[in-house]
């Protein structure tokens, strides 16, 4: 059973930045595309970014040019660097493989105020 733990969320004002982190066992880290997802109340969880083991990234249109997904193979960690945040980015953010297949973690809450 994979336990995913996300961290790095918080409250920021419009235009601010945050970096989210997700660390997982090395045995899993190197074998999968990794993704960051987000969910707001009453909405379906959506993918915001995904990254292959070879470093090829893809983004949702709503975050292109503002968010960057990266991975640190030595630390078995995947990051989501979020810049130019706006209130529409307010959500609980989760990591999982892509396409998702592991149990979801608790997520980390990002709140952006205007």
N, C-alpha and C. Protein backbone atom coordinates (compact mmCIF):
# COMPACT_ATOMS: atom_id res chain seq x y z
N UNK A 1 0.85 -1.19 0.00
CA UNK A 1 0.00 0.00 0.00
C UNK A 1 0.88 1.23 0.00
N UNK A 2 0.65 2.11 -0.96
CA UNK A 2 1.45 3.31 -1.08
C UNK A 2 0.83 4.42 -0.25
N UNK A 3 1.64 5.04 0.56
CA UNK A 3 1.17 6.17 1.35
C UNK A 3 1.77 7.43 0.77
N UNK A 4 0.93 8.27 0.26
CA UNK A 4 1.36 9.52 -0.34
C UNK A 4 1.18 10.65 0.67
N UNK A 5 2.20 11.45 0.81
CA UNK A 5 2.15 12.58 1.75
C UNK A 5 2.56 13.83 1.00
N UNK A 6 1.63 14.73 0.91
CA UNK A 6 1.89 16.00 0.26
C UNK A 6 2.13 17.07 1.32
N UNK A 7 2.95 18.04 0.97
CA UNK A 7 3.23 19.14 1.90
C UNK A 7 3.53 20.40 1.12
N UNK A 8 3.55 21.51 1.83
CA UNK A 8 3.95 22.77 1.23
C UNK A 8 2.81 23.74 0.97
N UNK A 9 1.59 23.33 1.21
CA UNK A 9 0.48 24.23 0.98
C UNK A 9 0.46 25.35 2.01
N UNK A 10 -0.42 26.30 1.78
CA UNK A 10 -0.55 27.41 2.69
C UNK A 10 -1.45 28.48 2.12
N UNK A 11 -1.42 29.63 2.77
CA UNK A 11 -2.24 30.76 2.33
C UNK A 11 -1.34 31.85 1.78
N UNK A 12 -1.66 32.31 0.59
CA UNK A 12 -0.89 33.37 -0.05
C UNK A 12 -1.85 34.35 -0.69
N UNK A 13 -1.33 35.50 -1.03
CA UNK A 13 -2.12 36.48 -1.77
C UNK A 13 -1.93 36.29 -3.27
N UNK A 14 -2.82 36.87 -4.02
CA UNK A 14 -2.73 36.81 -5.48
C UNK A 14 -1.34 37.27 -5.93
N UNK A 15 -0.77 36.50 -6.83
CA UNK A 15 0.57 36.80 -7.31
C UNK A 15 1.68 36.08 -6.56
N UNK A 16 1.32 35.44 -5.47
CA UNK A 16 2.31 34.75 -4.65
C UNK A 16 2.74 33.42 -5.23
N UNK A 17 3.66 32.77 -4.52
CA UNK A 17 4.23 31.50 -4.97
C UNK A 17 4.25 30.50 -3.83
N UNK A 18 4.20 29.25 -4.20
CA UNK A 18 4.34 28.15 -3.26
C UNK A 18 5.04 27.00 -3.97
N UNK A 19 5.67 26.14 -3.17
CA UNK A 19 6.24 24.92 -3.71
C UNK A 19 5.69 23.74 -2.92
N UNK A 20 5.04 22.85 -3.63
CA UNK A 20 4.49 21.65 -3.02
C UNK A 20 5.47 20.49 -3.20
N UNK A 21 5.45 19.59 -2.23
CA UNK A 21 6.36 18.43 -2.27
C UNK A 21 5.59 17.15 -2.03
N UNK A 22 6.10 16.08 -2.62
CA UNK A 22 5.51 14.75 -2.42
C UNK A 22 6.66 13.75 -2.49
N UNK A 23 6.87 13.04 -1.40
CA UNK A 23 7.95 12.06 -1.33
C UNK A 23 7.36 10.66 -1.26
N UNK A 24 7.95 9.75 -2.00
CA UNK A 24 7.44 8.38 -1.98
C UNK A 24 8.60 7.40 -2.07
N UNK A 25 8.34 6.12 -1.85
CA UNK A 25 9.41 5.13 -1.87
C UNK A 25 10.14 5.10 -3.21
N UNK A 26 11.43 4.93 -3.14
CA UNK A 26 12.24 4.94 -4.35
C UNK A 26 11.80 3.85 -5.32
N UNK A 27 11.36 2.75 -4.81
CA UNK A 27 10.96 1.64 -5.68
C UNK A 27 9.79 2.02 -6.57
N UNK A 28 9.02 2.97 -6.14
CA UNK A 28 7.89 3.42 -6.94
C UNK A 28 8.24 4.66 -7.74
N UNK A 29 9.07 5.47 -7.17
CA UNK A 29 9.34 6.79 -7.74
C UNK A 29 9.87 6.69 -9.16
N UNK A 30 10.74 5.74 -9.41
CA UNK A 30 11.40 5.70 -10.70
C UNK A 30 10.60 4.99 -11.77
N UNK A 31 9.51 4.39 -11.40
CA UNK A 31 8.81 3.56 -12.36
C UNK A 31 7.58 4.14 -12.99
N UNK A 32 7.21 5.34 -12.59
CA UNK A 32 5.93 5.88 -13.03
C UNK A 32 6.04 7.34 -13.44
N UNK A 33 5.12 7.68 -14.36
CA UNK A 33 4.82 9.09 -14.51
C UNK A 33 4.23 9.57 -13.19
N UNK A 34 4.57 10.78 -12.78
CA UNK A 34 4.01 11.35 -11.57
C UNK A 34 3.16 12.56 -11.93
N UNK A 35 2.13 12.78 -11.15
CA UNK A 35 1.23 13.88 -11.44
C UNK A 35 0.84 14.64 -10.20
N UNK A 36 0.47 15.86 -10.40
CA UNK A 36 -0.15 16.68 -9.37
C UNK A 36 -1.58 16.95 -9.80
N UNK A 37 -2.48 16.86 -8.84
CA UNK A 37 -3.90 17.03 -9.08
C UNK A 37 -4.45 18.01 -8.07
N UNK A 38 -5.63 18.55 -8.35
CA UNK A 38 -6.25 19.42 -7.37
C UNK A 38 -7.77 19.22 -7.40
N UNK A 39 -8.37 19.57 -6.29
CA UNK A 39 -9.81 19.40 -6.16
C UNK A 39 -10.38 20.50 -5.29
N UNK A 40 -11.48 21.06 -5.74
CA UNK A 40 -12.23 22.03 -4.95
C UNK A 40 -13.57 21.39 -4.58
N UNK A 41 -14.21 21.87 -3.53
CA UNK A 41 -15.48 21.28 -3.08
C UNK A 41 -16.50 21.22 -4.20
N UNK A 42 -17.11 20.06 -4.37
CA UNK A 42 -18.14 19.90 -5.37
C UNK A 42 -17.64 19.67 -6.77
N UNK A 43 -16.32 19.67 -6.95
CA UNK A 43 -15.74 19.49 -8.27
C UNK A 43 -14.96 18.19 -8.35
N UNK A 44 -14.79 17.69 -9.57
CA UNK A 44 -13.96 16.51 -9.74
C UNK A 44 -12.50 16.88 -9.60
N UNK A 45 -11.73 15.92 -9.16
CA UNK A 45 -10.29 16.12 -9.09
C UNK A 45 -9.75 16.24 -10.51
N UNK A 46 -8.87 17.20 -10.72
CA UNK A 46 -8.31 17.42 -12.05
C UNK A 46 -6.79 17.36 -11.99
N UNK A 47 -6.22 16.90 -13.10
CA UNK A 47 -4.77 16.91 -13.20
C UNK A 47 -4.30 18.30 -13.55
N UNK A 48 -3.27 18.78 -12.86
CA UNK A 48 -2.70 20.08 -13.23
C UNK A 48 -1.35 19.93 -13.90
N UNK A 49 -0.62 18.86 -13.58
CA UNK A 49 0.69 18.66 -14.19
C UNK A 49 1.09 17.20 -14.07
N UNK A 50 1.86 16.73 -15.05
CA UNK A 50 2.39 15.38 -14.96
C UNK A 50 3.80 15.39 -15.53
N UNK A 51 4.58 14.40 -15.12
CA UNK A 51 5.99 14.38 -15.49
C UNK A 51 6.44 12.95 -15.67
N UNK A 52 7.08 12.68 -16.80
CA UNK A 52 7.61 11.35 -17.05
C UNK A 52 8.93 11.17 -16.32
N UNK A 53 9.38 9.93 -16.24
CA UNK A 53 10.67 9.69 -15.64
C UNK A 53 11.81 10.33 -16.42
N UNK A 54 11.57 10.54 -17.70
CA UNK A 54 12.58 11.17 -18.54
C UNK A 54 12.51 12.68 -18.57
N UNK A 55 11.57 13.25 -17.81
CA UNK A 55 11.52 14.70 -17.69
C UNK A 55 10.57 15.41 -18.63
N UNK A 56 9.72 14.68 -19.30
CA UNK A 56 8.75 15.32 -20.18
C UNK A 56 7.52 15.70 -19.37
N UNK A 57 7.17 16.98 -19.41
CA UNK A 57 6.08 17.49 -18.60
C UNK A 57 4.90 17.91 -19.46
N UNK A 58 3.72 17.86 -18.86
CA UNK A 58 2.51 18.36 -19.49
C UNK A 58 1.68 19.05 -18.43
N UNK A 59 0.94 20.08 -18.86
CA UNK A 59 0.21 20.91 -17.91
C UNK A 59 -1.22 21.15 -18.38
N UNK A 60 -2.08 21.35 -17.40
CA UNK A 60 -3.41 21.83 -17.73
C UNK A 60 -3.30 23.25 -18.28
N UNK A 61 -4.19 23.60 -19.19
CA UNK A 61 -4.13 24.93 -19.79
C UNK A 61 -4.20 26.03 -18.75
N UNK A 62 -4.93 25.78 -17.68
CA UNK A 62 -5.15 26.82 -16.67
C UNK A 62 -3.89 27.17 -15.88
N UNK A 63 -2.87 26.31 -15.95
CA UNK A 63 -1.66 26.57 -15.15
C UNK A 63 -0.41 26.72 -16.01
N UNK A 64 -0.54 26.53 -17.31
CA UNK A 64 0.63 26.64 -18.19
C UNK A 64 1.31 27.99 -18.03
N UNK A 65 2.61 27.95 -17.94
CA UNK A 65 3.38 29.17 -17.80
C UNK A 65 3.49 29.67 -16.37
N UNK A 66 2.72 29.08 -15.46
CA UNK A 66 2.77 29.50 -14.06
C UNK A 66 3.26 28.39 -13.13
N UNK A 67 2.92 27.17 -13.45
CA UNK A 67 3.30 26.03 -12.62
C UNK A 67 4.40 25.23 -13.31
N UNK A 68 5.27 24.65 -12.52
CA UNK A 68 6.32 23.78 -13.04
C UNK A 68 6.41 22.54 -12.16
N UNK A 69 6.35 21.38 -12.80
CA UNK A 69 6.51 20.13 -12.07
C UNK A 69 7.95 19.65 -12.26
N UNK A 70 8.52 19.15 -11.20
CA UNK A 70 9.90 18.66 -11.28
C UNK A 70 10.05 17.48 -10.33
N UNK A 71 11.14 16.75 -10.51
CA UNK A 71 11.39 15.62 -9.63
C UNK A 71 12.85 15.59 -9.25
N UNK A 72 13.10 15.21 -8.02
CA UNK A 72 14.45 15.05 -7.51
C UNK A 72 14.64 13.56 -7.28
N UNK A 73 15.36 12.93 -8.17
CA UNK A 73 15.50 11.48 -8.08
C UNK A 73 16.29 11.06 -6.84
N UNK A 74 17.20 11.89 -6.41
CA UNK A 74 17.99 11.54 -5.23
C UNK A 74 17.16 11.58 -3.96
N UNK A 75 16.15 12.43 -3.96
CA UNK A 75 15.29 12.59 -2.78
C UNK A 75 13.96 11.87 -2.93
N UNK A 76 13.75 11.21 -4.06
CA UNK A 76 12.48 10.52 -4.33
C UNK A 76 11.30 11.46 -4.13
N UNK A 77 11.45 12.66 -4.63
CA UNK A 77 10.45 13.69 -4.37
C UNK A 77 10.03 14.34 -5.68
N UNK A 78 8.76 14.61 -5.78
CA UNK A 78 8.24 15.37 -6.91
C UNK A 78 7.70 16.69 -6.36
N UNK A 79 7.96 17.74 -7.08
CA UNK A 79 7.59 19.09 -6.65
C UNK A 79 6.60 19.72 -7.63
N UNK A 80 5.86 20.66 -7.11
CA UNK A 80 5.05 21.52 -7.96
C UNK A 80 5.35 22.96 -7.54
N UNK A 81 6.04 23.66 -8.43
CA UNK A 81 6.36 25.06 -8.19
C UNK A 81 5.23 25.88 -8.78
N UNK A 82 4.62 26.68 -7.94
CA UNK A 82 3.45 27.45 -8.37
C UNK A 82 3.74 28.94 -8.24
N UNK A 83 3.68 29.64 -9.34
CA UNK A 83 3.90 31.08 -9.36
C UNK A 83 2.65 31.79 -9.86
N UNK A 84 2.62 33.08 -9.63
CA UNK A 84 1.50 33.91 -10.09
C UNK A 84 0.16 33.30 -9.71
N UNK A 85 0.07 32.91 -8.48
CA UNK A 85 -1.16 32.26 -8.01
C UNK A 85 -2.33 33.24 -8.01
N UNK A 86 -3.49 32.71 -8.29
CA UNK A 86 -4.71 33.51 -8.25
C UNK A 86 -5.79 32.73 -7.50
N UNK A 87 -6.87 33.39 -7.12
CA UNK A 87 -7.89 32.71 -6.30
C UNK A 87 -8.45 31.45 -6.93
N UNK A 88 -8.43 31.35 -8.26
CA UNK A 88 -8.93 30.15 -8.92
C UNK A 88 -8.03 28.93 -8.68
N UNK A 89 -6.85 29.16 -8.16
CA UNK A 89 -5.94 28.06 -7.83
C UNK A 89 -6.21 27.48 -6.44
N UNK A 90 -7.09 28.11 -5.69
CA UNK A 90 -7.43 27.61 -4.37
C UNK A 90 -8.03 26.22 -4.48
N UNK A 91 -7.42 25.25 -3.78
CA UNK A 91 -7.85 23.86 -3.88
C UNK A 91 -7.01 23.03 -2.93
N UNK A 92 -7.40 21.77 -2.77
CA UNK A 92 -6.54 20.79 -2.13
C UNK A 92 -5.75 20.11 -3.24
N UNK A 93 -4.45 20.06 -3.07
CA UNK A 93 -3.57 19.51 -4.09
C UNK A 93 -3.06 18.14 -3.64
N UNK A 94 -3.03 17.23 -4.59
CA UNK A 94 -2.63 15.86 -4.34
C UNK A 94 -1.57 15.42 -5.35
N UNK A 95 -0.74 14.49 -4.94
CA UNK A 95 0.13 13.84 -5.92
C UNK A 95 -0.32 12.39 -6.06
N UNK A 96 0.00 11.81 -7.19
CA UNK A 96 -0.30 10.42 -7.46
C UNK A 96 0.43 10.08 -8.74
N UNK A 97 0.48 8.84 -9.08
CA UNK A 97 1.03 8.51 -10.37
C UNK A 97 0.06 8.99 -11.44
N UNK A 98 0.55 8.99 -12.69
CA UNK A 98 -0.32 9.35 -13.79
C UNK A 98 -0.33 8.22 -14.79
N UNK A 99 -1.51 7.76 -15.18
CA UNK A 99 -2.80 8.09 -14.60
C UNK A 99 -2.87 7.62 -13.15
N UNK A 100 -3.71 8.22 -12.35
CA UNK A 100 -3.76 7.88 -10.93
C UNK A 100 -4.16 6.44 -10.69
N UNK A 101 -3.54 5.83 -9.66
CA UNK A 101 -3.84 4.45 -9.39
C UNK A 101 -3.55 4.03 -7.97
N UNK A 102 -2.85 4.90 -7.24
CA UNK A 102 -2.61 4.63 -5.83
C UNK A 102 -3.68 5.29 -4.98
N UNK A 103 -3.77 4.84 -3.74
CA UNK A 103 -4.69 5.50 -2.81
C UNK A 103 -4.30 6.97 -2.66
N UNK A 104 -5.31 7.82 -2.59
CA UNK A 104 -5.04 9.23 -2.44
C UNK A 104 -4.60 9.56 -1.01
N UNK A 105 -3.67 10.50 -0.89
CA UNK A 105 -3.27 10.99 0.41
C UNK A 105 -4.23 12.05 0.91
N UNK A 106 -3.80 12.73 1.95
CA UNK A 106 -4.64 13.77 2.54
C UNK A 106 -4.63 15.05 1.72
N UNK A 107 -3.62 15.20 0.91
CA UNK A 107 -3.50 16.42 0.13
C UNK A 107 -2.97 17.57 0.98
N UNK A 108 -2.71 18.67 0.31
CA UNK A 108 -2.25 19.88 1.00
C UNK A 108 -3.06 21.05 0.46
N UNK A 109 -3.56 21.85 1.37
CA UNK A 109 -4.48 22.93 1.00
C UNK A 109 -3.73 24.17 0.58
N UNK A 110 -4.12 24.69 -0.56
CA UNK A 110 -3.59 25.96 -1.06
C UNK A 110 -4.76 26.95 -1.10
N UNK A 111 -4.57 28.07 -0.44
CA UNK A 111 -5.58 29.11 -0.41
C UNK A 111 -4.98 30.40 -0.93
N UNK A 112 -5.59 30.96 -1.96
CA UNK A 112 -5.09 32.20 -2.55
C UNK A 112 -6.16 33.27 -2.38
N UNK A 113 -5.80 34.33 -1.72
CA UNK A 113 -6.73 35.42 -1.47
C UNK A 113 -6.46 36.57 -2.41
N UNK A 114 -7.52 37.31 -2.72
CA UNK A 114 -7.37 38.44 -3.64
C UNK A 114 -7.02 39.71 -2.89
